Amino acid sequence: MNALHIKLPDYPVMDNDRLYKFCVHNSDVRIERSKEGEIIVMSPTGGESSRKSGNILYFLKQYQRKFKNGKVFDSSGGFLLKNKAM
């Protein structure tokens, strides 16, 4: 998987709201922000990688149901981390 790293100038600041809108307007690609504020555009995964992650997700969900703890999310979920990465 290839990634394109984009460095943005200080203005305009890519705050959480702008990053969200940027992601919505570019929904065909996977976009992340590093803790340094760098925007990372990821290429889509291939079929084999997608199959493997689907299997992992299935087994994690089975584990979560059995022990009734935690939450399971797929790889396209977006999260704001304490270090400001998104």
N, C-alpha and C. Protein backbone atom coordinates (compact mmCIF):
# COMPACT_ATOMS: atom_id res chain seq x y z
N MET A 1 0.84 -1.16 0.00
CA MET A 1 0.00 0.00 0.00
C MET A 1 0.89 1.24 0.00
N ASN A 2 0.62 2.16 -0.89
CA ASN A 2 1.38 3.40 -0.98
C ASN A 2 0.64 4.50 -0.24
N ALA A 3 1.40 5.45 0.30
CA ALA A 3 0.81 6.59 1.00
C ALA A 3 1.41 7.86 0.43
N LEU A 4 0.59 8.88 0.30
CA LEU A 4 1.03 10.19 -0.13
C LEU A 4 1.00 11.10 1.09
N HIS A 5 2.14 11.66 1.46
CA HIS A 5 2.24 12.54 2.63
C HIS A 5 2.17 13.98 2.14
N ILE A 6 1.23 14.75 2.67
CA ILE A 6 1.02 16.12 2.25
C ILE A 6 1.29 17.05 3.43
N LYS A 7 2.19 18.00 3.23
CA LYS A 7 2.47 18.99 4.26
C LYS A 7 1.73 20.27 3.89
N LEU A 8 0.92 20.75 4.81
CA LEU A 8 0.14 21.96 4.56
C LEU A 8 0.80 23.14 5.26
N PRO A 9 0.70 24.34 4.67
CA PRO A 9 1.22 25.52 5.36
C PRO A 9 0.39 25.80 6.61
N ASP A 10 0.92 26.64 7.49
CA ASP A 10 0.23 26.94 8.74
C ASP A 10 -1.16 27.52 8.53
N TYR A 11 -1.39 28.22 7.45
CA TYR A 11 -2.71 28.79 7.20
C TYR A 11 -3.19 28.33 5.84
N PRO A 12 -4.40 27.88 5.66
CA PRO A 12 -5.37 27.69 6.73
C PRO A 12 -5.05 26.44 7.55
N VAL A 13 -5.33 26.51 8.81
CA VAL A 13 -5.08 25.39 9.71
C VAL A 13 -6.07 24.27 9.40
N MET A 14 -5.58 23.03 9.33
CA MET A 14 -6.44 21.88 9.09
C MET A 14 -6.93 21.38 10.44
N ASP A 15 -7.87 22.15 11.03
CA ASP A 15 -8.44 21.76 12.31
C ASP A 15 -9.38 20.58 12.11
N ASN A 16 -9.97 20.10 13.19
CA ASN A 16 -10.82 18.90 13.11
C ASN A 16 -11.99 19.08 12.14
N ASP A 17 -12.64 20.23 12.17
CA ASP A 17 -13.79 20.46 11.29
C ASP A 17 -13.36 20.49 9.82
N ARG A 18 -12.27 21.18 9.53
CA ARG A 18 -11.80 21.24 8.13
C ARG A 18 -11.33 19.87 7.64
N LEU A 19 -10.67 19.13 8.52
CA LEU A 19 -10.23 17.79 8.13
C LEU A 19 -11.43 16.90 7.84
N TYR A 20 -12.45 16.99 8.68
CA TYR A 20 -13.66 16.20 8.45
C TYR A 20 -14.28 16.54 7.09
N LYS A 21 -14.42 17.82 6.80
CA LYS A 21 -14.99 18.25 5.52
C LYS A 21 -14.12 17.79 4.36
N PHE A 22 -12.81 17.87 4.53
CA PHE A 22 -11.87 17.41 3.50
C PHE A 22 -12.07 15.92 3.24
N CYS A 23 -12.24 15.15 4.31
CA CYS A 23 -12.48 13.70 4.17
C CYS A 23 -13.80 13.42 3.48
N VAL A 24 -14.85 14.16 3.84
CA VAL A 24 -16.16 13.96 3.22
C VAL A 24 -16.11 14.27 1.74
N HIS A 25 -15.41 15.35 1.36
CA HIS A 25 -15.32 15.74 -0.04
C HIS A 25 -14.41 14.83 -0.86
N ASN A 26 -13.61 14.02 -0.17
CA ASN A 26 -12.69 13.10 -0.84
C ASN A 26 -12.93 11.68 -0.31
N SER A 27 -14.17 11.28 -0.27
CA SER A 27 -14.56 10.01 0.35
C SER A 27 -14.05 8.77 -0.39
N ASP A 28 -13.53 8.95 -1.59
CA ASP A 28 -13.02 7.81 -2.34
C ASP A 28 -11.60 7.41 -1.93
N VAL A 29 -10.97 8.19 -1.05
CA VAL A 29 -9.64 7.86 -0.55
C VAL A 29 -9.65 7.87 0.98
N ARG A 30 -8.71 7.16 1.56
CA ARG A 30 -8.57 7.10 3.02
C ARG A 30 -7.58 8.17 3.46
N ILE A 31 -8.02 9.06 4.33
CA ILE A 31 -7.21 10.20 4.74
C ILE A 31 -6.99 10.14 6.24
N GLU A 32 -5.75 10.39 6.65
CA GLU A 32 -5.40 10.43 8.07
C GLU A 32 -4.61 11.69 8.34
N ARG A 33 -4.52 12.08 9.62
CA ARG A 33 -3.66 13.18 10.02
C ARG A 33 -2.73 12.67 11.12
N SER A 34 -1.43 12.88 10.94
CA SER A 34 -0.46 12.44 11.94
C SER A 34 -0.48 13.41 13.12
N LYS A 35 0.18 13.03 14.20
CA LYS A 35 0.22 13.91 15.37
C LYS A 35 0.99 15.19 15.06
N GLU A 36 1.82 15.18 14.01
CA GLU A 36 2.55 16.38 13.60
C GLU A 36 1.70 17.27 12.70
N GLY A 37 0.49 16.84 12.35
CA GLY A 37 -0.39 17.62 11.49
C GLY A 37 -0.27 17.31 10.02
N GLU A 38 0.57 16.33 9.68
CA GLU A 38 0.75 15.95 8.29
C GLU A 38 -0.45 15.15 7.81
N ILE A 39 -0.95 15.46 6.62
CA ILE A 39 -2.07 14.75 6.03
C ILE A 39 -1.52 13.57 5.23
N ILE A 40 -2.08 12.39 5.46
CA ILE A 40 -1.62 11.17 4.80
C ILE A 40 -2.79 10.60 4.00
N VAL A 41 -2.61 10.48 2.70
CA VAL A 41 -3.63 9.91 1.81
C VAL A 41 -3.18 8.50 1.46
N MET A 42 -4.00 7.53 1.84
CA MET A 42 -3.66 6.12 1.64
C MET A 42 -4.36 5.58 0.40
N SER A 43 -3.68 4.71 -0.30
CA SER A 43 -4.31 4.03 -1.43
C SER A 43 -5.22 2.93 -0.89
N PRO A 44 -6.22 2.51 -1.66
CA PRO A 44 -7.10 1.43 -1.20
C PRO A 44 -6.33 0.12 -1.05
N THR A 45 -6.82 -0.74 -0.19
CA THR A 45 -6.19 -2.04 -0.02
C THR A 45 -6.57 -2.95 -1.18
N GLY A 46 -5.80 -3.97 -1.37
CA GLY A 46 -6.09 -4.94 -2.41
C GLY A 46 -7.06 -6.01 -1.90
N GLY A 47 -7.46 -6.90 -2.75
CA GLY A 47 -8.43 -7.93 -2.40
C GLY A 47 -7.97 -8.85 -1.29
N GLU A 48 -6.73 -9.31 -1.35
CA GLU A 48 -6.23 -10.24 -0.34
C GLU A 48 -6.13 -9.57 1.03
N SER A 49 -5.64 -8.35 1.07
CA SER A 49 -5.54 -7.62 2.32
C SER A 49 -6.93 -7.35 2.91
N SER A 50 -7.87 -7.00 2.05
CA SER A 50 -9.24 -6.76 2.49
C SER A 50 -9.88 -8.03 3.05
N ARG A 51 -9.61 -9.18 2.41
CA ARG A 51 -10.14 -10.46 2.89
C ARG A 51 -9.60 -10.78 4.27
N LYS A 52 -8.29 -10.58 4.45
CA LYS A 52 -7.68 -10.87 5.74
C LYS A 52 -8.22 -9.98 6.84
N SER A 53 -8.38 -8.69 6.56
CA SER A 53 -8.91 -7.80 7.59
C SER A 53 -10.36 -8.12 7.90
N GLY A 54 -11.11 -8.58 6.90
CA GLY A 54 -12.48 -9.02 7.15
C GLY A 54 -12.54 -10.21 8.08
N ASN A 55 -11.62 -11.15 7.89
CA ASN A 55 -11.55 -12.32 8.79
C ASN A 55 -11.20 -11.91 10.21
N ILE A 56 -10.24 -11.01 10.35
CA ILE A 56 -9.86 -10.53 11.69
C ILE A 56 -11.03 -9.85 12.36
N LEU A 57 -11.73 -9.01 11.62
CA LEU A 57 -12.90 -8.31 12.16
C LEU A 57 -13.96 -9.31 12.62
N TYR A 58 -14.19 -10.34 11.84
CA TYR A 58 -15.17 -11.37 12.19
C TYR A 58 -14.80 -12.04 13.53
N PHE A 59 -13.54 -12.44 13.66
CA PHE A 59 -13.13 -13.13 14.88
C PHE A 59 -13.13 -12.19 16.10
N LEU A 60 -12.75 -10.94 15.88
CA LEU A 60 -12.82 -9.97 16.99
C LEU A 60 -14.26 -9.77 17.46
N LYS A 61 -15.18 -9.71 16.52
CA LYS A 61 -16.60 -9.53 16.88
C LYS A 61 -17.11 -10.76 17.63
N GLN A 62 -16.72 -11.95 17.21
CA GLN A 62 -17.13 -13.16 17.92
C GLN A 62 -16.61 -13.16 19.35
N TYR A 63 -15.36 -12.75 19.53
CA TYR A 63 -14.76 -12.65 20.86
C TYR A 63 -15.51 -11.64 21.71
N GLN A 64 -15.81 -10.48 21.11
CA GLN A 64 -16.52 -9.42 21.84
C GLN A 64 -17.90 -9.89 22.27
N ARG A 65 -18.60 -10.60 21.42
CA ARG A 65 -19.93 -11.12 21.77
C ARG A 65 -19.86 -12.15 22.89
N LYS A 66 -18.86 -13.00 22.83
CA LYS A 66 -18.72 -14.06 23.83
C LYS A 66 -18.43 -13.49 25.22
N PHE A 67 -17.51 -12.53 25.29
CA PHE A 67 -17.10 -12.01 26.58
C PHE A 67 -17.79 -10.70 26.96
N LYS A 68 -18.62 -10.18 26.06
CA LYS A 68 -19.44 -8.99 26.30
C LYS A 68 -18.64 -7.81 26.84
N ASN A 69 -17.50 -7.56 26.22
CA ASN A 69 -16.73 -6.38 26.60
C ASN A 69 -16.07 -5.76 25.38
N GLY A 70 -15.80 -4.49 25.46
CA GLY A 70 -15.14 -3.78 24.37
C GLY A 70 -16.07 -3.49 23.20
N LYS A 71 -15.52 -2.85 22.21
CA LYS A 71 -16.25 -2.51 20.98
C LYS A 71 -15.35 -2.85 19.80
N VAL A 72 -15.96 -3.19 18.68
CA VAL A 72 -15.23 -3.55 17.47
C VAL A 72 -15.60 -2.56 16.38
N PHE A 73 -14.59 -1.99 15.73
CA PHE A 73 -14.79 -1.06 14.63
C PHE A 73 -14.04 -1.56 13.40
N ASP A 74 -14.53 -1.22 12.21
CA ASP A 74 -13.79 -1.60 11.01
C ASP A 74 -12.69 -0.56 10.74
N SER A 75 -11.90 -0.81 9.72
CA SER A 75 -10.73 0.03 9.46
C SER A 75 -11.08 1.41 8.90
N SER A 76 -12.31 1.63 8.51
CA SER A 76 -12.67 2.94 7.95
C SER A 76 -13.23 3.90 9.00
N GLY A 77 -13.30 3.46 10.24
CA GLY A 77 -13.79 4.34 11.30
C GLY A 77 -12.78 5.44 11.58
N GLY A 78 -13.28 6.63 11.88
CA GLY A 78 -12.42 7.76 12.18
C GLY A 78 -12.42 8.07 13.66
N PHE A 79 -11.25 8.35 14.20
CA PHE A 79 -11.13 8.64 15.63
C PHE A 79 -10.18 9.82 15.83
N LEU A 80 -10.48 10.65 16.80
CA LEU A 80 -9.59 11.73 17.19
C LEU A 80 -8.81 11.24 18.40
N LEU A 81 -7.50 11.14 18.26
CA LEU A 81 -6.66 10.63 19.33
C LEU A 81 -6.15 11.76 20.24
N LYS A 82 -5.70 11.42 21.42
CA LYS A 82 -5.23 12.43 22.39
C LYS A 82 -4.08 13.26 21.83
N ASN A 83 -3.26 12.67 20.97
CA ASN A 83 -2.11 13.39 20.43
C ASN A 83 -2.48 14.25 19.20
N LYS A 84 -3.78 14.41 18.93
CA LYS A 84 -4.34 15.21 17.85
C LYS A 84 -4.30 14.52 16.49
N ALA A 85 -3.79 13.29 16.44
CA ALA A 85 -3.87 12.54 15.18
C ALA A 85 -5.33 12.17 14.96
N MET A 86 -5.71 12.04 13.70
CA MET A 86 -7.09 11.69 13.39
C MET A 86 -7.08 10.64 12.29
